[in-house]
Amino acid sequence: ELINEIANIGLLKNTKEGDTLIEIGNYIKSM
């Protein structure tokens, strides 16, 4: 049931080597 929920609301994101995903001092909107 949890996997189904994650699949329904989660956002799939692809990043490249060297990309900054989280920066110091920023508020985090998703995990």
Full PDB file with SEQRES, HELIX, SHEET, SSBOND, CRYST1, ORIGX, SCALE, CONECT and MASTER records, all heavy atoms in Angstrom:
SEQRES   1 A   31  GLU LEU ILE ASN GLU ILE ALA ASN ILE GLY LEU LEU LYS          
SEQRES   2 A   31  ASN THR LYS GLU GLY ASP THR LEU ILE GLU ILE GLY ASN          
SEQRES   3 A   31  TYR ILE LYS SER MET                                          
HELIX    1 AA1 LEU A    2  ILE A    9  1                                   8    
CRYST1    1.000    1.000    1.000  90.00  90.00  90.00 P 1           1          
ORIGX1      1.000000  0.000000  0.000000        0.00000                         
ORIGX2      0.000000  1.000000  0.000000        0.00000                         
ORIGX3      0.000000  0.000000  1.000000        0.00000                         
SCALE1      1.000000  0.000000  0.000000        0.00000                         
SCALE2      0.000000  1.000000  0.000000        0.00000                         
SCALE3      0.000000  0.000000  1.000000        0.00000                         
ATOM      1  N   GLU A   1       0.822  -1.207   0.000  1.00  0.00           N  
ATOM      2  CA  GLU A   1       0.000   0.000   0.000  1.00  0.00           C  
ATOM      3  C   GLU A   1       0.856   1.257   0.000  1.00  0.00           C  
ATOM      4  O   GLU A   1       0.531   2.243  -0.672  1.00  0.00           O  
ATOM      5  CB  GLU A   1      -0.946   0.003   1.216  1.00  0.00           C  
ATOM      6  CG  GLU A   1      -1.997  -1.072   1.230  1.00  0.00           C  
ATOM      7  CD  GLU A   1      -1.445  -2.436   1.626  1.00  0.00           C  
ATOM      8  OE1 GLU A   1      -0.292  -2.510   2.102  1.00  0.00           O  
ATOM      9  OE2 GLU A   1      -2.174  -3.440   1.468  1.00  0.00           O  
ATOM     10  N   LEU A   2       1.953   1.229   0.741  1.00  0.00           N  
ATOM     11  CA  LEU A   2       2.850   2.380   0.788  1.00  0.00           C  
ATOM     12  C   LEU A   2       3.544   2.572  -0.562  1.00  0.00           C  
ATOM     13  O   LEU A   2       3.679   3.708  -1.041  1.00  0.00           O  
ATOM     14  CB  LEU A   2       3.883   2.214   1.902  1.00  0.00           C  
ATOM     15  CG  LEU A   2       4.959   3.312   2.018  1.00  0.00           C  
ATOM     16  CD1 LEU A   2       4.322   4.685   2.152  1.00  0.00           C  
ATOM     17  CD2 LEU A   2       5.892   3.032   3.180  1.00  0.00           C  
ATOM     18  N   ILE A   3       3.981   1.486  -1.170  1.00  0.00           N  
ATOM     19  CA  ILE A   3       4.615   1.582  -2.488  1.00  0.00           C  
ATOM     20  C   ILE A   3       3.643   2.182  -3.500  1.00  0.00           C  
ATOM     21  O   ILE A   3       4.023   3.017  -4.323  1.00  0.00           O  
ATOM     22  CB  ILE A   3       5.104   0.193  -2.952  1.00  0.00           C  
ATOM     23  CG1 ILE A   3       6.345  -0.216  -2.140  1.00  0.00           C  
ATOM     24  CG2 ILE A   3       5.433   0.193  -4.445  1.00  0.00           C  
ATOM     25  CD1 ILE A   3       6.903  -1.578  -2.485  1.00  0.00           C  
ATOM     26  N   ASN A   4       2.380   1.792  -3.409  1.00  0.00           N  
ATOM     27  CA  ASN A   4       1.370   2.361  -4.306  1.00  0.00           C  
ATOM     28  C   ASN A   4       1.222   3.865  -4.093  1.00  0.00           C  
ATOM     29  O   ASN A   4       1.105   4.628  -5.056  1.00  0.00           O  
ATOM     30  CB  ASN A   4       0.022   1.667  -4.095  1.00  0.00           C  
ATOM     31  CG  ASN A   4       0.007   0.240  -4.620  1.00  0.00           C  
ATOM     32  OD1 ASN A   4       0.792  -0.111  -5.506  1.00  0.00           O  
ATOM     33  ND2 ASN A   4      -0.870  -0.589  -4.082  1.00  0.00           N  
ATOM     34  N   GLU A   5       1.228   4.287  -2.834  1.00  0.00           N  
ATOM     35  CA  GLU A   5       1.113   5.721  -2.535  1.00  0.00           C  
ATOM     36  C   GLU A   5       2.315   6.493  -3.076  1.00  0.00           C  
ATOM     37  O   GLU A   5       2.163   7.569  -3.671  1.00  0.00           O  
ATOM     38  CB  GLU A   5       0.981   5.948  -1.022  1.00  0.00           C  
ATOM     39  CG  GLU A   5      -0.406   5.706  -0.471  1.00  0.00           C  
ATOM     40  CD  GLU A   5      -0.663   6.535   0.772  1.00  0.00           C  
ATOM     41  OE1 GLU A   5      -0.517   7.781   0.712  1.00  0.00           O  
ATOM     42  OE2 GLU A   5      -1.010   5.938   1.814  1.00  0.00           O  
ATOM     43  N   ILE A   6       3.493   5.950  -2.852  1.00  0.00           N  
ATOM     44  CA  ILE A   6       4.709   6.617  -3.341  1.00  0.00           C  
ATOM     45  C   ILE A   6       4.669   6.731  -4.862  1.00  0.00           C  
ATOM     46  O   ILE A   6       5.007   7.779  -5.432  1.00  0.00           O  
ATOM     47  CB  ILE A   6       5.972   5.856  -2.883  1.00  0.00           C  
ATOM     48  CG1 ILE A   6       6.106   5.901  -1.359  1.00  0.00           C  
ATOM     49  CG2 ILE A   6       7.217   6.460  -3.538  1.00  0.00           C  
ATOM     50  CD1 ILE A   6       7.227   5.026  -0.818  1.00  0.00           C  
ATOM     51  N   ALA A   7       4.259   5.655  -5.526  1.00  0.00           N  
ATOM     52  CA  ALA A   7       4.198   5.660  -6.986  1.00  0.00           C  
ATOM     53  C   ALA A   7       3.197   6.692  -7.500  1.00  0.00           C  
ATOM     54  O   ALA A   7       3.401   7.300  -8.552  1.00  0.00           O  
ATOM     55  CB  ALA A   7       3.833   4.272  -7.498  1.00  0.00           C  
ATOM     56  N   ASN A   8       2.114   6.911  -6.746  1.00  0.00           N  
ATOM     57  CA  ASN A   8       1.069   7.826  -7.187  1.00  0.00           C  
ATOM     58  C   ASN A   8       1.433   9.292  -6.978  1.00  0.00           C  
ATOM     59  O   ASN A   8       1.069  10.147  -7.795  1.00  0.00           O  
ATOM     60  CB  ASN A   8      -0.245   7.516  -6.460  1.00  0.00           C  
ATOM     61  CG  ASN A   8      -0.890   6.235  -6.955  1.00  0.00           C  
ATOM     62  OD1 ASN A   8      -0.703   5.849  -8.101  1.00  0.00           O  
ATOM     63  ND2 ASN A   8      -1.629   5.561  -6.080  1.00  0.00           N  
ATOM     64  N   ILE A   9       2.143   9.602  -5.883  1.00  0.00           N  
ATOM     65  CA  ILE A   9       2.391  11.020  -5.574  1.00  0.00           C  
ATOM     66  C   ILE A   9       3.849  11.430  -5.755  1.00  0.00           C  
ATOM     67  O   ILE A   9       4.148  12.622  -5.830  1.00  0.00           O  
ATOM     68  CB  ILE A   9       1.960  11.367  -4.134  1.00  0.00           C  
ATOM     69  CG1 ILE A   9       2.887  10.681  -3.126  1.00  0.00           C  
ATOM     70  CG2 ILE A   9       0.513  11.002  -3.885  1.00  0.00           C  
ATOM     71  CD1 ILE A   9       2.737  11.205  -1.732  1.00  0.00           C  
ATOM     72  N   GLY A  10       4.750  10.454  -5.824  1.00  0.00           N  
ATOM     73  CA  GLY A  10       6.173  10.780  -5.944  1.00  0.00           C  
ATOM     74  C   GLY A  10       6.515  11.345  -7.316  1.00  0.00           C  
ATOM     75  O   GLY A  10       5.861  11.037  -8.314  1.00  0.00           O  
ATOM     76  N   LEU A  11       7.532  12.181  -7.342  1.00  0.00           N  
ATOM     77  CA  LEU A  11       8.010  12.773  -8.597  1.00  0.00           C  
ATOM     78  C   LEU A  11       9.346  12.141  -8.967  1.00  0.00           C  
ATOM     79  O   LEU A  11      10.322  12.249  -8.214  1.00  0.00           O  
ATOM     80  CB  LEU A  11       8.163  14.286  -8.446  1.00  0.00           C  
ATOM     81  CG  LEU A  11       8.750  15.030  -9.657  1.00  0.00           C  
ATOM     82  CD1 LEU A  11       7.812  14.921 -10.847  1.00  0.00           C  
ATOM     83  CD2 LEU A  11       9.025  16.491  -9.317  1.00  0.00           C  
ATOM     84  N   LEU A  12       9.394  11.470 -10.112  1.00  0.00           N  
ATOM     85  CA  LEU A  12      10.634  10.851 -10.575  1.00  0.00           C  
ATOM     86  C   LEU A  12      11.567  11.932 -11.114  1.00  0.00           C  
ATOM     87  O   LEU A  12      11.163  12.765 -11.926  1.00  0.00           O  
ATOM     88  CB  LEU A  12      10.332   9.828 -11.665  1.00  0.00           C  
ATOM     89  CG  LEU A  12      11.451   8.847 -12.027  1.00  0.00           C  
ATOM     90  CD1 LEU A  12      11.763   7.933 -10.848  1.00  0.00           C  
ATOM     91  CD2 LEU A  12      11.052   8.008 -13.243  1.00  0.00           C  
ATOM     92  N   LYS A  13      12.807  11.920 -10.656  1.00  0.00           N  
ATOM     93  CA  LYS A  13      13.761  12.964 -11.028  1.00  0.00           C  
ATOM     94  C   LYS A  13      15.098  12.340 -11.409  1.00  0.00           C  
ATOM     95  O   LYS A  13      15.627  11.498 -10.679  1.00  0.00           O  
ATOM     96  CB  LYS A  13      13.950  13.934  -9.852  1.00  0.00           C  
ATOM     97  CG  LYS A  13      14.901  15.087 -10.127  1.00  0.00           C  
ATOM     98  CD  LYS A  13      14.953  16.031  -8.929  1.00  0.00           C  
ATOM     99  CE  LYS A  13      15.868  17.219  -9.194  1.00  0.00           C  
ATOM    100  NZ  LYS A  13      15.918  18.150  -8.038  1.00  0.00           N  
ATOM    101  N   ASN A  14      15.633  12.748 -12.543  1.00  0.00           N  
ATOM    102  CA  ASN A  14      16.954  12.294 -12.987  1.00  0.00           C  
ATOM    103  C   ASN A  14      17.945  13.449 -12.891  1.00  0.00           C  
ATOM    104  O   ASN A  14      17.648  14.561 -13.332  1.00  0.00           O  
ATOM    105  CB  ASN A  14      16.890  11.786 -14.426  1.00  0.00           C  
ATOM    106  CG  ASN A  14      16.031  10.540 -14.569  1.00  0.00           C  
ATOM    107  OD1 ASN A  14      16.289   9.530 -13.923  1.00  0.00           O  
ATOM    108  ND2 ASN A  14      15.002  10.605 -15.406  1.00  0.00           N  
ATOM    109  N   THR A  15      19.103  13.196 -12.315  1.00  0.00           N  
ATOM    110  CA  THR A  15      20.125  14.230 -12.182  1.00  0.00           C  
ATOM    111  C   THR A  15      21.440  13.729 -12.766  1.00  0.00           C  
ATOM    112  O   THR A  15      21.698  12.528 -12.804  1.00  0.00           O  
ATOM    113  CB  THR A  15      20.345  14.614 -10.709  1.00  0.00           C  
ATOM    114  OG1 THR A  15      20.813  13.459  -9.983  1.00  0.00           O  
ATOM    115  CG2 THR A  15      19.061  15.111 -10.071  1.00  0.00           C  
ATOM    116  N   LYS A  16      22.247  14.660 -13.198  1.00  0.00           N  
ATOM    117  CA  LYS A  16      23.549  14.344 -13.769  1.00  0.00           C  
ATOM    118  C   LYS A  16      24.647  14.431 -12.711  1.00  0.00           C  
ATOM    119  O   LYS A  16      24.510  15.149 -11.710  1.00  0.00           O  
ATOM    120  CB  LYS A  16      23.862  15.312 -14.918  1.00  0.00           C  
ATOM    121  CG  LYS A  16      22.939  15.191 -16.114  1.00  0.00           C  
ATOM    122  CD  LYS A  16      23.094  13.846 -16.808  1.00  0.00           C  
ATOM    123  CE  LYS A  16      22.265  13.764 -18.079  1.00  0.00           C  
ATOM    124  NZ  LYS A  16      22.383  12.439 -18.729  1.00  0.00           N  
ATOM    125  N   GLU A  17      25.724  13.704 -12.937  1.00  0.00           N  
ATOM    126  CA  GLU A  17      26.889  13.771 -12.058  1.00  0.00           C  
ATOM    127  C   GLU A  17      27.317  15.230 -11.861  1.00  0.00           C  
ATOM    128  O   GLU A  17      27.444  15.984 -12.823  1.00  0.00           O  
ATOM    129  CB  GLU A  17      28.041  12.975 -12.659  1.00  0.00           C  
ATOM    130  CG  GLU A  17      29.334  13.042 -11.874  1.00  0.00           C  
ATOM    131  CD  GLU A  17      30.480  12.329 -12.556  1.00  0.00           C  
ATOM    132  OE1 GLU A  17      30.228  11.554 -13.502  1.00  0.00           O  
ATOM    133  OE2 GLU A  17      31.646  12.558 -12.160  1.00  0.00           O  
ATOM    134  N   GLY A  18      27.505  15.621 -10.606  1.00  0.00           N  
ATOM    135  CA  GLY A  18      27.927  16.979 -10.293  1.00  0.00           C  
ATOM    136  C   GLY A  18      26.797  17.944 -10.003  1.00  0.00           C  
ATOM    137  O   GLY A  18      27.035  19.048  -9.507  1.00  0.00           O  
ATOM    138  N   ASP A  19      25.541  17.545 -10.280  1.00  0.00           N  
ATOM    139  CA  ASP A  19      24.399  18.423  -9.996  1.00  0.00           C  
ATOM    140  C   ASP A  19      24.218  18.584  -8.491  1.00  0.00           C  
ATOM    141  O   ASP A  19      24.362  17.622  -7.726  1.00  0.00           O  
ATOM    142  CB  ASP A  19      23.106  17.846 -10.581  1.00  0.00           C  
ATOM    143  CG  ASP A  19      23.020  17.995 -12.092  1.00  0.00           C  
ATOM    144  OD1 ASP A  19      23.905  18.657 -12.668  1.00  0.00           O  
ATOM    145  OD2 ASP A  19      22.075  17.446 -12.687  1.00  0.00           O  
ATOM    146  N   THR A  20      23.886  19.798  -8.063  1.00  0.00           N  
ATOM    147  CA  THR A  20      23.574  20.054  -6.657  1.00  0.00           C  
ATOM    148  C   THR A  20      22.091  19.800  -6.432  1.00  0.00           C  
ATOM    149  O   THR A  20      21.236  20.425  -7.065  1.00  0.00           O  
ATOM    150  CB  THR A  20      23.921  21.499  -6.266  1.00  0.00           C  
ATOM    151  OG1 THR A  20      25.330  21.708  -6.442  1.00  0.00           O  
ATOM    152  CG2 THR A  20      23.563  21.771  -4.810  1.00  0.00           C  
ATOM    153  N   LEU A  21      21.776  18.891  -5.517  1.00  0.00           N  
ATOM    154  CA  LEU A  21      20.390  18.518  -5.240  1.00  0.00           C  
ATOM    155  C   LEU A  21      19.828  19.295  -4.066  1.00  0.00           C  
ATOM    156  O   LEU A  21      18.641  19.627  -4.050  1.00  0.00           O  
ATOM    157  CB  LEU A  21      20.304  17.020  -4.950  1.00  0.00           C  
ATOM    158  CG  LEU A  21      20.913  16.102  -6.019  1.00  0.00           C  
ATOM    159  CD1 LEU A  21      20.876  14.658  -5.554  1.00  0.00           C  
ATOM    160  CD2 LEU A  21      20.163  16.246  -7.322  1.00  0.00           C  
ATOM    161  N   ILE A  22      20.652  19.541  -3.074  1.00  0.00           N  
ATOM    162  CA  ILE A  22      20.246  20.295  -1.892  1.00  0.00           C  
ATOM    163  C   ILE A  22      21.350  21.291  -1.575  1.00  0.00           C  
ATOM    164  O   ILE A  22      22.528  20.933  -1.560  1.00  0.00           O  
ATOM    165  CB  ILE A  22      20.023  19.368  -0.676  1.00  0.00           C  
ATOM    166  CG1 ILE A  22      18.915  18.338  -0.977  1.00  0.00           C  
ATOM    167  CG2 ILE A  22      19.654  20.174   0.564  1.00  0.00           C  
ATOM    168  CD1 ILE A  22      18.780  17.269   0.091  1.00  0.00           C  
ATOM    169  N   GLU A  23      20.987  22.527  -1.313  1.00  0.00           N  
ATOM    170  CA  GLU A  23      21.971  23.570  -1.009  1.00  0.00           C  
ATOM    171  C   GLU A  23      21.820  24.026   0.445  1.00  0.00           C  
ATOM    172  O   GLU A  23      20.712  24.049   0.990  1.00  0.00           O  
ATOM    173  CB  GLU A  23      21.789  24.759  -1.961  1.00  0.00           C  
ATOM    174  CG  GLU A  23      22.859  25.820  -1.852  1.00  0.00           C  
ATOM    175  CD  GLU A  23      24.277  25.277  -1.976  1.00  0.00           C  
ATOM    176  OE1 GLU A  23      24.844  24.873  -0.932  1.00  0.00           O  
ATOM    177  OE2 GLU A  23      24.803  25.239  -3.101  1.00  0.00           O  
ATOM    178  N   ILE A  24      22.943  24.363   1.042  1.00  0.00           N  
ATOM    179  CA  ILE A  24      22.943  24.861   2.414  1.00  0.00           C  
ATOM    180  C   ILE A  24      22.137  26.157   2.495  1.00  0.00           C  
ATOM    181  O   ILE A  24      22.287  27.047   1.658  1.00  0.00           O  
ATOM    182  CB  ILE A  24      24.387  25.099   2.895  1.00  0.00           C  
ATOM    183  CG1 ILE A  24      25.154  23.769   2.955  1.00  0.00           C  
ATOM    184  CG2 ILE A  24      24.408  25.786   4.261  1.00  0.00           C  
ATOM    185  CD1 ILE A  24      26.642  23.909   3.166  1.00  0.00           C  
ATOM    186  N   GLY A  25      21.268  26.238   3.492  1.00  0.00           N  
ATOM    187  CA  GLY A  25      20.480  27.452   3.708  1.00  0.00           C  
ATOM    188  C   GLY A  25      19.130  27.453   3.030  1.00  0.00           C  
ATOM    189  O   GLY A  25      18.302  28.336   3.285  1.00  0.00           O  
ATOM    190  N   ASN A  26      18.876  26.458   2.172  1.00  0.00           N  
ATOM    191  CA  ASN A  26      17.584  26.386   1.488  1.00  0.00           C  
ATOM    192  C   ASN A  26      16.588  25.570   2.313  1.00  0.00           C  
ATOM    193  O   ASN A  26      16.965  24.660   3.046  1.00  0.00           O  
ATOM    194  CB  ASN A  26      17.730  25.739   0.108  1.00  0.00           C  
ATOM    195  CG  ASN A  26      18.427  26.641  -0.883  1.00  0.00           C  
ATOM    196  OD1 ASN A  26      18.690  27.810  -0.609  1.00  0.00           O  
ATOM    197  ND2 ASN A  26      18.749  26.111  -2.044  1.00  0.00           N  
ATOM    198  N   TYR A  27      15.308  25.910   2.170  1.00  0.00           N  
ATOM    199  CA  TYR A  27      14.267  25.076   2.755  1.00  0.00           C  
ATOM    200  C   TYR A  27      14.027  23.883   1.846  1.00  0.00           C  
ATOM    201  O   TYR A  27      14.080  23.994   0.626  1.00  0.00           O  
ATOM    202  CB  TYR A  27      12.968  25.864   2.927  1.00  0.00           C  
ATOM    203  CG  TYR A  27      13.013  26.842   4.078  1.00  0.00           C  
ATOM    204  CD1 TYR A  27      13.200  28.205   3.846  1.00  0.00           C  
ATOM    205  CD2 TYR A  27      12.865  26.410   5.396  1.00  0.00           C  
ATOM    206  CE1 TYR A  27      13.243  29.104   4.895  1.00  0.00           C  
ATOM    207  CE2 TYR A  27      12.911  27.307   6.454  1.00  0.00           C  
ATOM    208  CZ  TYR A  27      13.102  28.651   6.196  1.00  0.00           C  
ATOM    209  OH  TYR A  27      13.153  29.540   7.231  1.00  0.00           O  
ATOM    210  N   ILE A  28      13.757  22.741   2.448  1.00  0.00           N  
ATOM    211  CA  ILE A  28      13.562  21.507   1.687  1.00  0.00           C  
ATOM    212  C   ILE A  28      12.068  21.236   1.562  1.00  0.00           C  
ATOM    213  O   ILE A  28      11.357  21.162   2.562  1.00  0.00           O  
ATOM    214  CB  ILE A  28      14.286  20.335   2.375  1.00  0.00           C  
ATOM    215  CG1 ILE A  28      15.799  20.599   2.382  1.00  0.00           C  
ATOM    216  CG2 ILE A  28      13.972  19.018   1.673  1.00  0.00           C  
ATOM    217  CD1 ILE A  28      16.595  19.577   3.151  1.00  0.00           C  
ATOM    218  N   LYS A  29      11.602  21.094   0.336  1.00  0.00           N  
ATOM    219  CA  LYS A  29      10.179  20.898   0.078  1.00  0.00           C  
ATOM    220  C   LYS A  29       9.811  19.430  -0.137  1.00  0.00           C  
ATOM    221  O   LYS A  29       8.642  19.069  -0.100  1.00  0.00           O  
ATOM    222  CB  LYS A  29       9.758  21.701  -1.168  1.00  0.00           C  
ATOM    223  CG  LYS A  29      10.045  23.198  -1.073  1.00  0.00           C  
ATOM    224  CD  LYS A  29       9.185  23.838  -0.005  1.00  0.00           C  
ATOM    225  CE  LYS A  29       9.443  25.345   0.069  1.00  0.00           C  
ATOM    226  NZ  LYS A  29       9.048  26.043  -1.162  1.00  0.00           N  
ATOM    227  N   SER A  30      10.812  18.588  -0.387  1.00  0.00           N  
ATOM    228  CA  SER A  30      10.538  17.173  -0.622  1.00  0.00           C  
ATOM    229  C   SER A  30      11.722  16.330  -0.194  1.00  0.00           C  
ATOM    230  O   SER A  30      12.852  16.828  -0.081  1.00  0.00           O  
ATOM    231  CB  SER A  30      10.211  16.922  -2.096  1.00  0.00           C  
ATOM    232  OG  SER A  30      11.252  17.389  -2.928  1.00  0.00           O  
ATOM    233  N   MET A  31      11.468  15.053   0.053  1.00  0.00           N  
ATOM    234  CA  MET A  31      12.491  14.131   0.531  1.00  0.00           C  
ATOM    235  C   MET A  31      12.840  13.139  -0.569  1.00  0.00           C  
ATOM    236  O   MET A  31      11.942  12.609  -1.233  1.00  0.00           O  
ATOM    237  CB  MET A  31      11.965  13.378   1.753  1.00  0.00           C  
ATOM    238  CG  MET A  31      13.012  12.553   2.469  1.00  0.00           C  
ATOM    239  SD  MET A  31      12.265  11.272   3.488  1.00  0.00           S  
ATOM    240  CE  MET A  31      11.950  10.009   2.261  1.00  0.00           C  
TER     241      MET A  31                                                      
MASTER        0    0    0    1    0    0    0    6  240    1    0    3          
END                                                                             
